N, C-alpha and C. Protein backbone atom coordinates (compact mmCIF):
# COMPACT_ATOMS: atom_id res chain seq x y z
N MET A 1 12.03 6.08 11.94
CA MET A 1 11.48 4.86 11.36
C MET A 1 9.96 4.88 11.54
N LEU A 2 9.28 4.49 10.50
CA LEU A 2 7.82 4.51 10.46
C LEU A 2 7.25 3.17 10.92
N LEU A 3 6.22 3.20 11.73
CA LEU A 3 5.52 1.97 12.12
C LEU A 3 4.45 1.68 11.08
N VAL A 4 4.11 0.41 10.92
CA VAL A 4 3.11 0.00 9.94
C VAL A 4 2.00 -0.78 10.63
N TYR A 5 0.77 -0.43 10.30
CA TYR A 5 -0.41 -1.12 10.79
C TYR A 5 -1.25 -1.54 9.59
N ARG A 6 -1.78 -2.74 9.64
CA ARG A 6 -2.65 -3.24 8.57
C ARG A 6 -4.09 -3.24 9.05
N HIS A 7 -4.91 -2.45 8.40
CA HIS A 7 -6.33 -2.38 8.73
C HIS A 7 -6.97 -3.75 8.46
N LYS A 8 -8.04 -4.05 9.17
CA LYS A 8 -8.75 -5.33 9.01
C LYS A 8 -9.14 -5.57 7.55
N LYS A 9 -9.64 -4.55 6.87
CA LYS A 9 -10.03 -4.67 5.46
C LYS A 9 -8.82 -5.01 4.59
N PHE A 10 -7.69 -4.35 4.88
CA PHE A 10 -6.46 -4.62 4.14
C PHE A 10 -6.07 -6.09 4.32
N SER A 11 -6.10 -6.57 5.54
CA SER A 11 -5.71 -7.95 5.83
C SER A 11 -6.58 -8.95 5.08
N LYS A 12 -7.87 -8.68 4.97
CA LYS A 12 -8.78 -9.56 4.21
C LYS A 12 -8.39 -9.59 2.73
N GLU A 13 -8.13 -8.40 2.17
CA GLU A 13 -7.73 -8.31 0.77
C GLU A 13 -6.39 -8.99 0.55
N PHE A 14 -5.48 -8.82 1.49
CA PHE A 14 -4.13 -9.39 1.38
C PHE A 14 -4.18 -10.92 1.32
N LYS A 15 -5.03 -11.54 2.13
CA LYS A 15 -5.15 -13.00 2.16
C LYS A 15 -5.61 -13.57 0.83
N LYS A 16 -6.32 -12.80 0.03
CA LYS A 16 -6.85 -13.26 -1.25
C LYS A 16 -5.84 -13.14 -2.40
N LEU A 17 -4.72 -12.46 -2.15
CA LEU A 17 -3.73 -12.24 -3.19
C LEU A 17 -2.91 -13.49 -3.48
N LEU A 18 -2.35 -13.55 -4.68
CA LEU A 18 -1.41 -14.61 -5.01
C LEU A 18 -0.20 -14.51 -4.08
N ARG A 19 0.38 -15.64 -3.77
CA ARG A 19 1.53 -15.68 -2.86
C ARG A 19 2.67 -14.79 -3.35
N VAL A 20 2.90 -14.75 -4.65
CA VAL A 20 3.99 -13.94 -5.20
C VAL A 20 3.76 -12.45 -4.92
N VAL A 21 2.53 -12.00 -4.96
CA VAL A 21 2.20 -10.60 -4.67
C VAL A 21 2.36 -10.35 -3.17
N GLN A 22 1.93 -11.29 -2.35
CA GLN A 22 2.10 -11.16 -0.90
C GLN A 22 3.59 -11.03 -0.55
N GLU A 23 4.41 -11.88 -1.16
CA GLU A 23 5.86 -11.85 -0.90
C GLU A 23 6.47 -10.53 -1.35
N LYS A 24 6.03 -10.02 -2.49
CA LYS A 24 6.54 -8.75 -2.99
C LYS A 24 6.17 -7.62 -2.03
N PHE A 25 4.95 -7.64 -1.50
CA PHE A 25 4.54 -6.63 -0.53
C PHE A 25 5.44 -6.70 0.70
N GLU A 26 5.69 -7.88 1.21
CA GLU A 26 6.52 -8.03 2.41
C GLU A 26 7.93 -7.49 2.16
N GLN A 27 8.47 -7.73 0.96
CA GLN A 27 9.79 -7.19 0.60
C GLN A 27 9.76 -5.67 0.60
N LYS A 28 8.75 -5.13 -0.05
CA LYS A 28 8.66 -3.67 -0.18
C LYS A 28 8.40 -2.99 1.16
N ILE A 29 7.63 -3.62 2.02
CA ILE A 29 7.30 -3.00 3.30
C ILE A 29 8.56 -2.90 4.17
N GLY A 30 9.49 -3.82 3.99
CA GLY A 30 10.76 -3.75 4.71
C GLY A 30 11.55 -2.51 4.33
N ILE A 31 11.48 -2.12 3.08
CA ILE A 31 12.14 -0.90 2.60
C ILE A 31 11.31 0.32 3.01
N PHE A 32 9.99 0.19 2.93
CA PHE A 32 9.08 1.29 3.22
C PHE A 32 9.28 1.88 4.62
N VAL A 33 9.47 1.02 5.62
CA VAL A 33 9.61 1.52 6.98
C VAL A 33 10.87 2.37 7.16
N ILE A 34 11.86 2.16 6.29
CA ILE A 34 13.09 2.94 6.34
C ILE A 34 13.00 4.18 5.46
N ASP A 35 12.44 4.01 4.25
CA ASP A 35 12.36 5.12 3.29
C ASP A 35 11.08 5.00 2.47
N GLN A 36 10.02 5.66 2.93
CA GLN A 36 8.71 5.54 2.25
C GLN A 36 8.68 6.19 0.87
N TYR A 37 9.71 6.96 0.54
CA TYR A 37 9.74 7.61 -0.77
C TYR A 37 10.81 7.03 -1.68
N SER A 38 11.21 5.80 -1.42
CA SER A 38 12.18 5.12 -2.28
C SER A 38 11.65 5.12 -3.71
N VAL A 39 12.57 5.21 -4.67
CA VAL A 39 12.22 5.37 -6.08
C VAL A 39 11.23 4.31 -6.58
N GLY A 40 11.39 3.08 -6.20
CA GLY A 40 10.55 1.99 -6.70
C GLY A 40 9.11 2.02 -6.25
N PHE A 41 8.76 2.88 -5.31
CA PHE A 41 7.39 2.91 -4.80
C PHE A 41 6.43 3.77 -5.60
N ASN A 42 6.94 4.75 -6.32
CA ASN A 42 6.07 5.72 -7.00
C ASN A 42 5.04 6.26 -6.01
N ASN A 43 5.51 6.60 -4.82
CA ASN A 43 4.65 7.07 -3.73
C ASN A 43 4.03 8.41 -4.12
N HIS A 44 2.70 8.44 -4.10
CA HIS A 44 2.01 9.68 -4.48
C HIS A 44 0.68 9.82 -3.74
N GLY A 45 0.27 11.07 -3.58
CA GLY A 45 -0.99 11.38 -2.92
C GLY A 45 -2.18 11.08 -3.83
N LEU A 46 -3.31 10.80 -3.21
CA LEU A 46 -4.52 10.46 -3.96
C LEU A 46 -5.60 11.50 -3.72
N LYS A 47 -6.58 11.53 -4.62
CA LYS A 47 -7.70 12.46 -4.54
C LYS A 47 -9.00 11.68 -4.57
N ARG A 48 -10.09 12.41 -4.62
CA ARG A 48 -11.45 11.86 -4.70
C ARG A 48 -11.73 10.85 -3.61
N LYS A 49 -12.03 9.64 -3.99
CA LYS A 49 -12.43 8.58 -3.07
C LYS A 49 -11.40 8.35 -1.94
N TYR A 50 -10.13 8.52 -2.26
CA TYR A 50 -9.06 8.27 -1.29
C TYR A 50 -8.34 9.56 -0.90
N ASN A 51 -9.06 10.66 -0.87
CA ASN A 51 -8.45 11.94 -0.53
C ASN A 51 -7.76 11.87 0.83
N GLY A 52 -6.52 12.34 0.88
CA GLY A 52 -5.74 12.30 2.12
C GLY A 52 -4.90 11.04 2.26
N CYS A 53 -5.09 10.09 1.36
CA CYS A 53 -4.32 8.85 1.38
C CYS A 53 -3.19 8.91 0.36
N ARG A 54 -2.32 7.92 0.42
CA ARG A 54 -1.21 7.81 -0.51
C ARG A 54 -1.21 6.39 -1.08
N SER A 55 -0.54 6.22 -2.21
CA SER A 55 -0.45 4.93 -2.87
C SER A 55 1.00 4.59 -3.17
N ILE A 56 1.36 3.31 -3.03
CA ILE A 56 2.68 2.84 -3.45
C ILE A 56 2.49 1.66 -4.39
N ASP A 57 3.44 1.49 -5.31
CA ASP A 57 3.43 0.36 -6.23
C ASP A 57 4.00 -0.87 -5.53
N ILE A 58 3.32 -1.99 -5.71
CA ILE A 58 3.81 -3.26 -5.18
C ILE A 58 4.40 -4.08 -6.32
N THR A 59 3.64 -4.23 -7.40
CA THR A 59 4.13 -4.86 -8.63
C THR A 59 3.70 -3.94 -9.77
N GLY A 60 3.84 -4.40 -10.99
CA GLY A 60 3.45 -3.58 -12.13
C GLY A 60 2.02 -3.09 -12.06
N ASP A 61 1.10 -3.92 -11.56
CA ASP A 61 -0.31 -3.54 -11.52
C ASP A 61 -0.89 -3.41 -10.11
N TYR A 62 -0.23 -3.97 -9.13
CA TYR A 62 -0.76 -3.94 -7.76
C TYR A 62 -0.30 -2.71 -7.00
N ARG A 63 -1.25 -2.13 -6.24
CA ARG A 63 -1.00 -0.93 -5.44
C ARG A 63 -1.45 -1.19 -4.01
N ALA A 64 -0.83 -0.48 -3.08
CA ALA A 64 -1.26 -0.49 -1.68
C ALA A 64 -1.57 0.95 -1.28
N ILE A 65 -2.71 1.15 -0.64
CA ILE A 65 -3.15 2.49 -0.23
C ILE A 65 -3.05 2.60 1.28
N TYR A 66 -2.51 3.74 1.72
CA TYR A 66 -2.32 3.96 3.14
C TYR A 66 -2.47 5.43 3.47
N TYR A 67 -2.54 5.72 4.77
CA TYR A 67 -2.46 7.10 5.24
C TYR A 67 -1.60 7.10 6.49
N ILE A 68 -1.10 8.25 6.84
CA ILE A 68 -0.22 8.40 8.01
C ILE A 68 -1.01 9.06 9.14
N ASN A 69 -0.90 8.48 10.32
CA ASN A 69 -1.53 9.05 11.52
C ASN A 69 -0.55 8.88 12.68
N ASN A 70 -0.03 10.01 13.18
CA ASN A 70 0.91 9.97 14.31
C ASN A 70 2.10 9.03 14.08
N SER A 71 2.78 9.19 12.95
CA SER A 71 3.96 8.38 12.60
C SER A 71 3.66 6.90 12.42
N ILE A 72 2.40 6.58 12.13
CA ILE A 72 2.02 5.20 11.83
C ILE A 72 1.40 5.18 10.44
N ALA A 73 1.94 4.33 9.57
CA ALA A 73 1.37 4.14 8.23
C ALA A 73 0.29 3.08 8.35
N ILE A 74 -0.94 3.47 8.08
CA ILE A 74 -2.07 2.55 8.20
C ILE A 74 -2.49 2.14 6.79
N PHE A 75 -2.21 0.89 6.44
CA PHE A 75 -2.56 0.37 5.12
C PHE A 75 -4.02 -0.06 5.14
N ILE A 76 -4.80 0.49 4.19
CA ILE A 76 -6.24 0.25 4.19
C ILE A 76 -6.73 -0.60 3.02
N HIS A 77 -6.00 -0.60 1.89
CA HIS A 77 -6.42 -1.38 0.72
C HIS A 77 -5.20 -1.85 -0.06
N ILE A 78 -5.37 -3.00 -0.71
CA ILE A 78 -4.37 -3.51 -1.64
C ILE A 78 -5.11 -4.22 -2.77
N GLY A 79 -4.66 -4.01 -3.99
CA GLY A 79 -5.31 -4.64 -5.14
C GLY A 79 -4.73 -4.11 -6.43
N THR A 80 -5.32 -4.54 -7.53
CA THR A 80 -4.87 -4.06 -8.83
C THR A 80 -5.35 -2.62 -9.01
N HIS A 81 -4.76 -1.96 -9.95
CA HIS A 81 -5.15 -0.58 -10.25
C HIS A 81 -6.64 -0.51 -10.53
N HIS A 82 -7.13 -1.46 -11.32
CA HIS A 82 -8.55 -1.49 -11.69
C HIS A 82 -9.43 -1.74 -10.45
N GLN A 83 -9.05 -2.66 -9.59
CA GLN A 83 -9.84 -2.95 -8.39
C GLN A 83 -9.95 -1.73 -7.48
N LEU A 84 -8.87 -0.99 -7.36
CA LEU A 84 -8.85 0.14 -6.44
C LEU A 84 -9.47 1.41 -7.02
N TYR A 85 -9.19 1.66 -8.30
CA TYR A 85 -9.60 2.93 -8.90
C TYR A 85 -10.69 2.79 -9.96
N GLY A 86 -10.96 1.56 -10.40
CA GLY A 86 -11.99 1.33 -11.40
C GLY A 86 -11.67 1.84 -12.78
N LYS A 87 -10.39 2.00 -13.08
CA LYS A 87 -9.99 2.52 -14.40
C LYS A 87 -9.22 1.47 -15.16
């Protein structure tokens, strides 16, 4: 089982989200700690700005970015695809 830590920056971004997105993240994180590669996450590695990190889908447009360090998933950013990647 994977432990989850929320970086200070992540927590600030999380507080600004709509409640429905926050609730969806909480639902998904419950599954994530058991199976981080569950089909609904579209879990994939990132390059460039977030090299070494991974991304999971929270809703249709919202993503959460994290990296693994010593069996701890450290979530560093959450936002829309555009907010995170600028595309």
